[in-house]
PDB file of all heavy atoms in Angstrom:
ATOM      1  N   ALA A   1      -1.650  -7.701  -8.075  1.00  0.00           N
ATOM      2  CA  ALA A   1      -2.008  -9.089  -7.759  1.00  0.00           C
ATOM      3  C   ALA A   1      -3.516  -9.235  -7.604  1.00  0.00           C
ATOM      4  O   ALA A   1      -4.126 -10.183  -8.132  1.00  0.00           O
ATOM      5  CB  ALA A   1      -1.300  -9.526  -6.483  1.00  0.00           C
ATOM      6  N   ALA A   2      -4.147  -8.301  -6.888  1.00  0.00           N
ATOM      7  CA  ALA A   2      -5.590  -8.380  -6.661  1.00  0.00           C
ATOM      8  C   ALA A   2      -6.364  -8.288  -7.976  1.00  0.00           C
ATOM      9  O   ALA A   2      -7.348  -9.012  -8.186  1.00  0.00           O
ATOM     10  CB  ALA A   2      -6.037  -7.285  -5.705  1.00  0.00           C
ATOM     11  N   VAL A   3      -5.920  -7.398  -8.869  1.00  0.00           N
ATOM     12  CA  VAL A   3      -6.585  -7.256 -10.170  1.00  0.00           C
ATOM     13  C   VAL A   3      -6.481  -8.554 -10.962  1.00  0.00           C
ATOM     14  O   VAL A   3      -7.465  -9.024 -11.558  1.00  0.00           O
ATOM     15  CB  VAL A   3      -5.977  -6.074 -10.959  1.00  0.00           C
ATOM     16  CG1 VAL A   3      -6.470  -6.085 -12.403  1.00  0.00           C
ATOM     17  CG2 VAL A   3      -6.332  -4.764 -10.286  1.00  0.00           C
ATOM     18  N   ARG A   4      -5.308  -9.160 -10.979  1.00  0.00           N
ATOM     19  CA  ARG A   4      -5.124 -10.392 -11.740  1.00  0.00           C
ATOM     20  C   ARG A   4      -5.897 -11.550 -11.124  1.00  0.00           C
ATOM     21  O   ARG A   4      -6.487 -12.369 -11.845  1.00  0.00           O
ATOM     22  CB  ARG A   4      -3.630 -10.719 -11.852  1.00  0.00           C
ATOM     23  CG  ARG A   4      -2.902  -9.779 -12.807  1.00  0.00           C
ATOM     24  CD  ARG A   4      -1.420 -10.053 -12.902  1.00  0.00           C
ATOM     25  NE  ARG A   4      -1.109 -11.414 -13.336  1.00  0.00           N
ATOM     26  CZ  ARG A   4       0.124 -11.832 -13.607  1.00  0.00           C
ATOM     27  NH1 ARG A   4       1.155 -10.986 -13.493  1.00  0.00           N
ATOM     28  NH2 ARG A   4       0.344 -13.075 -14.002  1.00  0.00           N
ATOM     29  N   LEU A   5      -5.935 -11.629  -9.808  1.00  0.00           N
ATOM     30  CA  LEU A   5      -6.720 -12.673  -9.148  1.00  0.00           C
ATOM     31  C   LEU A   5      -8.199 -12.531  -9.481  1.00  0.00           C
ATOM     32  O   LEU A   5      -8.886 -13.513  -9.798  1.00  0.00           O
ATOM     33  CB  LEU A   5      -6.527 -12.600  -7.627  1.00  0.00           C
ATOM     34  CG  LEU A   5      -5.165 -13.013  -7.074  1.00  0.00           C
ATOM     35  CD1 LEU A   5      -5.072 -12.645  -5.587  1.00  0.00           C
ATOM     36  CD2 LEU A   5      -4.939 -14.511  -7.265  1.00  0.00           C
ATOM     37  N   ALA A   6      -8.697 -11.301  -9.410  1.00  0.00           N
ATOM     38  CA  ALA A   6     -10.116 -11.055  -9.667  1.00  0.00           C
ATOM     39  C   ALA A   6     -10.480 -11.378 -11.113  1.00  0.00           C
ATOM     40  O   ALA A   6     -11.505 -12.009 -11.386  1.00  0.00           O
ATOM     41  CB  ALA A   6     -10.455  -9.605  -9.343  1.00  0.00           C
ATOM     42  N   ASN A   7      -9.638 -10.950 -12.041  1.00  0.00           N
ATOM     43  CA  ASN A   7      -9.907 -11.226 -13.454  1.00  0.00           C
ATOM     44  C   ASN A   7      -9.887 -12.719 -13.755  1.00  0.00           C
ATOM     45  O   ASN A   7     -10.643 -13.201 -14.605  1.00  0.00           O
ATOM     46  CB  ASN A   7      -8.895 -10.501 -14.342  1.00  0.00           C
ATOM     47  CG  ASN A   7      -9.181  -9.014 -14.463  1.00  0.00           C
ATOM     48  OD1 ASN A   7     -10.326  -8.594 -14.467  1.00  0.00           O
ATOM     49  ND2 ASN A   7      -8.138  -8.206 -14.551  1.00  0.00           N
ATOM     50  N   ALA A   8      -9.049 -13.444 -13.039  1.00  0.00           N
ATOM     51  CA  ALA A   8      -8.972 -14.896 -13.252  1.00  0.00           C
ATOM     52  C   ALA A   8     -10.213 -15.609 -12.729  1.00  0.00           C
ATOM     53  O   ALA A   8     -10.679 -16.584 -13.321  1.00  0.00           O
ATOM     54  CB  ALA A   8      -7.719 -15.458 -12.574  1.00  0.00           C
ATOM     55  N   ALA A   9     -10.781 -15.110 -11.625  1.00  0.00           N
ATOM     56  CA  ALA A   9     -11.858 -15.825 -10.950  1.00  0.00           C
ATOM     57  C   ALA A   9     -13.253 -15.424 -11.390  1.00  0.00           C
ATOM     58  O   ALA A   9     -14.194 -16.211 -11.297  1.00  0.00           O
ATOM     59  CB  ALA A   9     -11.732 -15.613  -9.436  1.00  0.00           C
ATOM     60  N   ALA A  10     -13.409 -14.187 -11.878  1.00  0.00           N
ATOM     61  CA  ALA A  10     -14.746 -13.666 -12.156  1.00  0.00           C
ATOM     62  C   ALA A  10     -15.295 -14.169 -13.481  1.00  0.00           C
ATOM     63  O   ALA A  10     -14.600 -14.179 -14.494  1.00  0.00           O
ATOM     64  CB  ALA A  10     -14.717 -12.139 -12.156  1.00  0.00           C
ATOM     65  N   GLY A  11     -16.556 -14.591 -13.454  1.00  0.00           N
ATOM     66  CA  GLY A  11     -17.239 -15.026 -14.663  1.00  0.00           C
ATOM     67  C   GLY A  11     -18.373 -14.096 -15.021  1.00  0.00           C
ATOM     68  O   GLY A  11     -18.403 -12.935 -14.605  1.00  0.00           O
ATOM     69  N   ALA A  12     -19.334 -14.606 -15.767  1.00  0.00           N
ATOM     70  CA  ALA A  12     -20.464 -13.803 -16.225  1.00  0.00           C
ATOM     71  C   ALA A  12     -21.254 -13.264 -15.037  1.00  0.00           C
ATOM     72  O   ALA A  12     -21.380 -13.914 -14.006  1.00  0.00           O
ATOM     73  CB  ALA A  12     -21.375 -14.648 -17.112  1.00  0.00           C
ATOM     74  N   GLY A  13     -21.780 -12.045 -15.204  1.00  0.00           N
ATOM     75  CA  GLY A  13     -22.615 -11.452 -14.166  1.00  0.00           C
ATOM     76  C   GLY A  13     -21.860 -10.840 -13.017  1.00  0.00           C
ATOM     77  O   GLY A  13     -22.452 -10.438 -12.015  1.00  0.00           O
ATOM     78  N   ILE A  14     -20.534 -10.721 -13.161  1.00  0.00           N
ATOM     79  CA  ILE A  14     -19.694 -10.142 -12.099  1.00  0.00           C
ATOM     80  C   ILE A  14     -19.014  -8.889 -12.634  1.00  0.00           C
ATOM     81  O   ILE A  14     -18.448  -8.899 -13.726  1.00  0.00           O
ATOM     82  CB  ILE A  14     -18.604 -11.133 -11.630  1.00  0.00           C
ATOM     83  CG1 ILE A  14     -19.210 -12.423 -11.095  1.00  0.00           C
ATOM     84  CG2 ILE A  14     -17.695 -10.469 -10.607  1.00  0.00           C
ATOM     85  CD1 ILE A  14     -19.815 -12.310  -9.725  1.00  0.00           C
ATOM     86  N   GLU A  15     -19.064  -7.807 -11.869  1.00  0.00           N
ATOM     87  CA  GLU A  15     -18.273  -6.633 -12.192  1.00  0.00           C
ATOM     88  C   GLU A  15     -17.275  -6.393 -11.063  1.00  0.00           C
ATOM     89  O   GLU A  15     -17.569  -6.664  -9.896  1.00  0.00           O
ATOM     90  CB  GLU A  15     -19.147  -5.407 -12.427  1.00  0.00           C
ATOM     91  CG  GLU A  15     -20.071  -5.023 -11.293  1.00  0.00           C
ATOM     92  CD  GLU A  15     -20.979  -3.858 -11.676  1.00  0.00           C
ATOM     93  OE1 GLU A  15     -20.952  -3.446 -12.857  1.00  0.00           O
ATOM     94  OE2 GLU A  15     -21.712  -3.382 -10.794  1.00  0.00           O
ATOM     95  N   LEU A  16     -16.112  -5.881 -11.421  1.00  0.00           N
ATOM     96  CA  LEU A  16     -15.011  -5.733 -10.471  1.00  0.00           C
ATOM     97  C   LEU A  16     -14.752  -4.265 -10.166  1.00  0.00           C
ATOM     98  O   LEU A  16     -14.861  -3.407 -11.039  1.00  0.00           O
ATOM     99  CB  LEU A  16     -13.746  -6.376 -11.037  1.00  0.00           C
ATOM    100  CG  LEU A  16     -13.857  -7.846 -11.431  1.00  0.00           C
ATOM    101  CD1 LEU A  16     -12.583  -8.313 -12.118  1.00  0.00           C
ATOM    102  CD2 LEU A  16     -14.151  -8.708 -10.213  1.00  0.00           C
ATOM    103  N   THR A  17     -14.393  -3.986  -8.916  1.00  0.00           N
ATOM    104  CA  THR A  17     -14.036  -2.633  -8.523  1.00  0.00           C
ATOM    105  C   THR A  17     -12.551  -2.400  -8.781  1.00  0.00           C
ATOM    106  O   THR A  17     -11.785  -3.340  -9.016  1.00  0.00           O
ATOM    107  CB  THR A  17     -14.316  -2.401  -7.034  1.00  0.00           C
ATOM    108  OG1 THR A  17     -13.433  -3.236  -6.254  1.00  0.00           O
ATOM    109  CG2 THR A  17     -15.760  -2.722  -6.696  1.00  0.00           C
ATOM    110  N   GLU A  18     -12.167  -1.154  -8.729  1.00  0.00           N
ATOM    111  CA  GLU A  18     -10.744  -0.826  -8.759  1.00  0.00           C
ATOM    112  C   GLU A  18     -10.130  -1.270  -7.434  1.00  0.00           C
ATOM    113  O   GLU A  18     -10.811  -1.314  -6.404  1.00  0.00           O
ATOM    114  CB  GLU A  18     -10.546   0.680  -8.948  1.00  0.00           C
ATOM    115  CG  GLU A  18     -10.987   1.197 -10.311  1.00  0.00           C
ATOM    116  CD  GLU A  18     -10.144   0.627 -11.433  1.00  0.00           C
ATOM    117  OE1 GLU A  18      -8.915   0.502 -11.253  1.00  0.00           O
ATOM    118  OE2 GLU A  18     -10.729   0.289 -12.487  1.00  0.00           O
ATOM    119  N   PRO A  19      -8.841  -1.603  -7.421  1.00  0.00           N
ATOM    120  CA  PRO A  19      -8.225  -2.006  -6.161  1.00  0.00           C
ATOM    121  C   PRO A  19      -8.214  -0.870  -5.149  1.00  0.00           C
ATOM    122  O   PRO A  19      -7.949   0.281  -5.491  1.00  0.00           O
ATOM    123  CB  PRO A  19      -6.805  -2.412  -6.566  1.00  0.00           C
ATOM    124  CG  PRO A  19      -6.561  -1.733  -7.877  1.00  0.00           C
ATOM    125  CD  PRO A  19      -7.892  -1.647  -8.556  1.00  0.00           C
ATOM    126  N   ALA A  20      -8.517  -1.202  -3.906  1.00  0.00           N
ATOM    127  CA  ALA A  20      -8.489  -0.232  -2.805  1.00  0.00           C
ATOM    128  C   ALA A  20      -7.911  -0.929  -1.595  1.00  0.00           C
ATOM    129  O   ALA A  20      -8.393  -1.997  -1.204  1.00  0.00           O
ATOM    130  CB  ALA A  20      -9.892   0.286  -2.503  1.00  0.00           C
ATOM    131  N   GLU A  21      -6.851  -0.360  -1.043  1.00  0.00           N
ATOM    132  CA  GLU A  21      -6.155  -0.980   0.088  1.00  0.00           C
ATOM    133  C   GLU A  21      -5.751  -2.407  -0.244  1.00  0.00           C
ATOM    134  O   GLU A  21      -5.792  -3.296   0.594  1.00  0.00           O
ATOM    135  CB  GLU A  21      -7.029  -0.950   1.337  1.00  0.00           C
ATOM    136  CG  GLU A  21      -7.438   0.453   1.754  1.00  0.00           C
ATOM    137  CD  GLU A  21      -8.381   0.430   2.934  1.00  0.00           C
ATOM    138  OE1 GLU A  21      -7.898   0.195   4.062  1.00  0.00           O
ATOM    139  OE2 GLU A  21      -9.589   0.646   2.725  1.00  0.00           O
ATOM    140  N   GLY A  22      -5.390  -2.631  -1.504  1.00  0.00           N
ATOM    141  CA  GLY A  22      -4.903  -3.945  -1.920  1.00  0.00           C
ATOM    142  C   GLY A  22      -5.993  -4.947  -2.230  1.00  0.00           C
ATOM    143  O   GLY A  22      -5.690  -6.103  -2.546  1.00  0.00           O
ATOM    144  N   LYS A  23      -7.267  -4.538  -2.186  1.00  0.00           N
ATOM    145  CA  LYS A  23      -8.382  -5.488  -2.378  1.00  0.00           C
ATOM    146  C   LYS A  23      -9.213  -5.090  -3.583  1.00  0.00           C
ATOM    147  O   LYS A  23      -9.455  -3.916  -3.837  1.00  0.00           O
ATOM    148  CB  LYS A  23      -9.266  -5.500  -1.137  1.00  0.00           C
ATOM    149  CG  LYS A  23     -10.466  -6.436  -1.215  1.00  0.00           C
ATOM    150  CD  LYS A  23     -11.358  -6.304   0.003  1.00  0.00           C
ATOM    151  CE  LYS A  23     -12.148  -5.022  -0.030  1.00  0.00           C
ATOM    152  NZ  LYS A  23     -13.103  -4.917   1.094  1.00  0.00           N
ATOM    153  N   VAL A  24      -9.686  -6.114  -4.321  1.00  0.00           N
ATOM    154  CA  VAL A  24     -10.660  -5.912  -5.389  1.00  0.00           C
ATOM    155  C   VAL A  24     -11.953  -6.607  -4.975  1.00  0.00           C
ATOM    156  O   VAL A  24     -11.940  -7.755  -4.512  1.00  0.00           O
ATOM    157  CB  VAL A  24     -10.160  -6.481  -6.731  1.00  0.00           C
ATOM    158  CG1 VAL A  24     -11.283  -6.503  -7.770  1.00  0.00           C
ATOM    159  CG2 VAL A  24      -8.986  -5.653  -7.257  1.00  0.00           C
ATOM    160  N   SER A  25     -13.074  -5.921  -5.133  1.00  0.00           N
ATOM    161  CA  SER A  25     -14.380  -6.488  -4.772  1.00  0.00           C
ATOM    162  C   SER A  25     -15.127  -6.946  -6.023  1.00  0.00           C
ATOM    163  O   SER A  25     -14.998  -6.364  -7.099  1.00  0.00           O
ATOM    164  CB  SER A  25     -15.225  -5.447  -4.025  1.00  0.00           C
ATOM    165  OG  SER A  25     -14.616  -5.111  -2.790  1.00  0.00           O
ATOM    166  N   PHE A  26     -15.927  -8.008  -5.843  1.00  0.00           N
ATOM    167  CA  PHE A  26     -16.768  -8.553  -6.906  1.00  0.00           C
ATOM    168  C   PHE A  26     -18.213  -8.150  -6.589  1.00  0.00           C
ATOM    169  O   PHE A  26     -18.688  -8.387  -5.477  1.00  0.00           O
ATOM    170  CB  PHE A  26     -16.731 -10.077  -6.931  1.00  0.00           C
ATOM    171  CG  PHE A  26     -15.374 -10.704  -7.144  1.00  0.00           C
ATOM    172  CD1 PHE A  26     -14.306 -10.447  -6.293  1.00  0.00           C
ATOM    173  CD2 PHE A  26     -15.174 -11.601  -8.189  1.00  0.00           C
ATOM    174  CE1 PHE A  26     -13.072 -11.055  -6.463  1.00  0.00           C
ATOM    175  CE2 PHE A  26     -13.945 -12.218  -8.380  1.00  0.00           C
ATOM    176  CZ  PHE A  26     -12.894 -11.943  -7.527  1.00  0.00           C
ATOM    177  N   LYS A  27     -18.925  -7.596  -7.573  1.00  0.00           N
ATOM    178  CA  LYS A  27     -20.319  -7.224  -7.363  1.00  0.00           C
ATOM    179  C   LYS A  27     -21.193  -7.816  -8.463  1.00  0.00           C
ATOM    180  O   LYS A  27     -20.750  -7.990  -9.603  1.00  0.00           O
ATOM    181  CB  LYS A  27     -20.470  -5.702  -7.331  1.00  0.00           C
ATOM    182  CG  LYS A  27     -19.767  -5.064  -6.135  1.00  0.00           C
ATOM    183  CD  LYS A  27     -20.054  -3.577  -6.032  1.00  0.00           C
ATOM    184  CE  LYS A  27     -19.414  -2.981  -4.785  1.00  0.00           C
ATOM    185  NZ  LYS A  27     -19.717  -1.541  -4.641  1.00  0.00           N
ATOM    186  N   ALA A  28     -22.446  -8.123  -8.098  1.00  0.00           N
ATOM    187  CA  ALA A  28     -23.374  -8.691  -9.068  1.00  0.00           C
ATOM    188  C   ALA A  28     -23.818  -7.626 -10.064  1.00  0.00           C
ATOM    189  O   ALA A  28     -24.160  -6.512  -9.680  1.00  0.00           O
ATOM    190  CB  ALA A  28     -24.584  -9.270  -8.345  1.00  0.00           C
TER     191      ALA A  28
END
């Protein structure tokens, strides 16, 4: 769920982490 949410929300200039403890982080 976290991976799909992150992929849906992230645009240009954002990189995503692997899920950890159910959370995905967005980084510049």
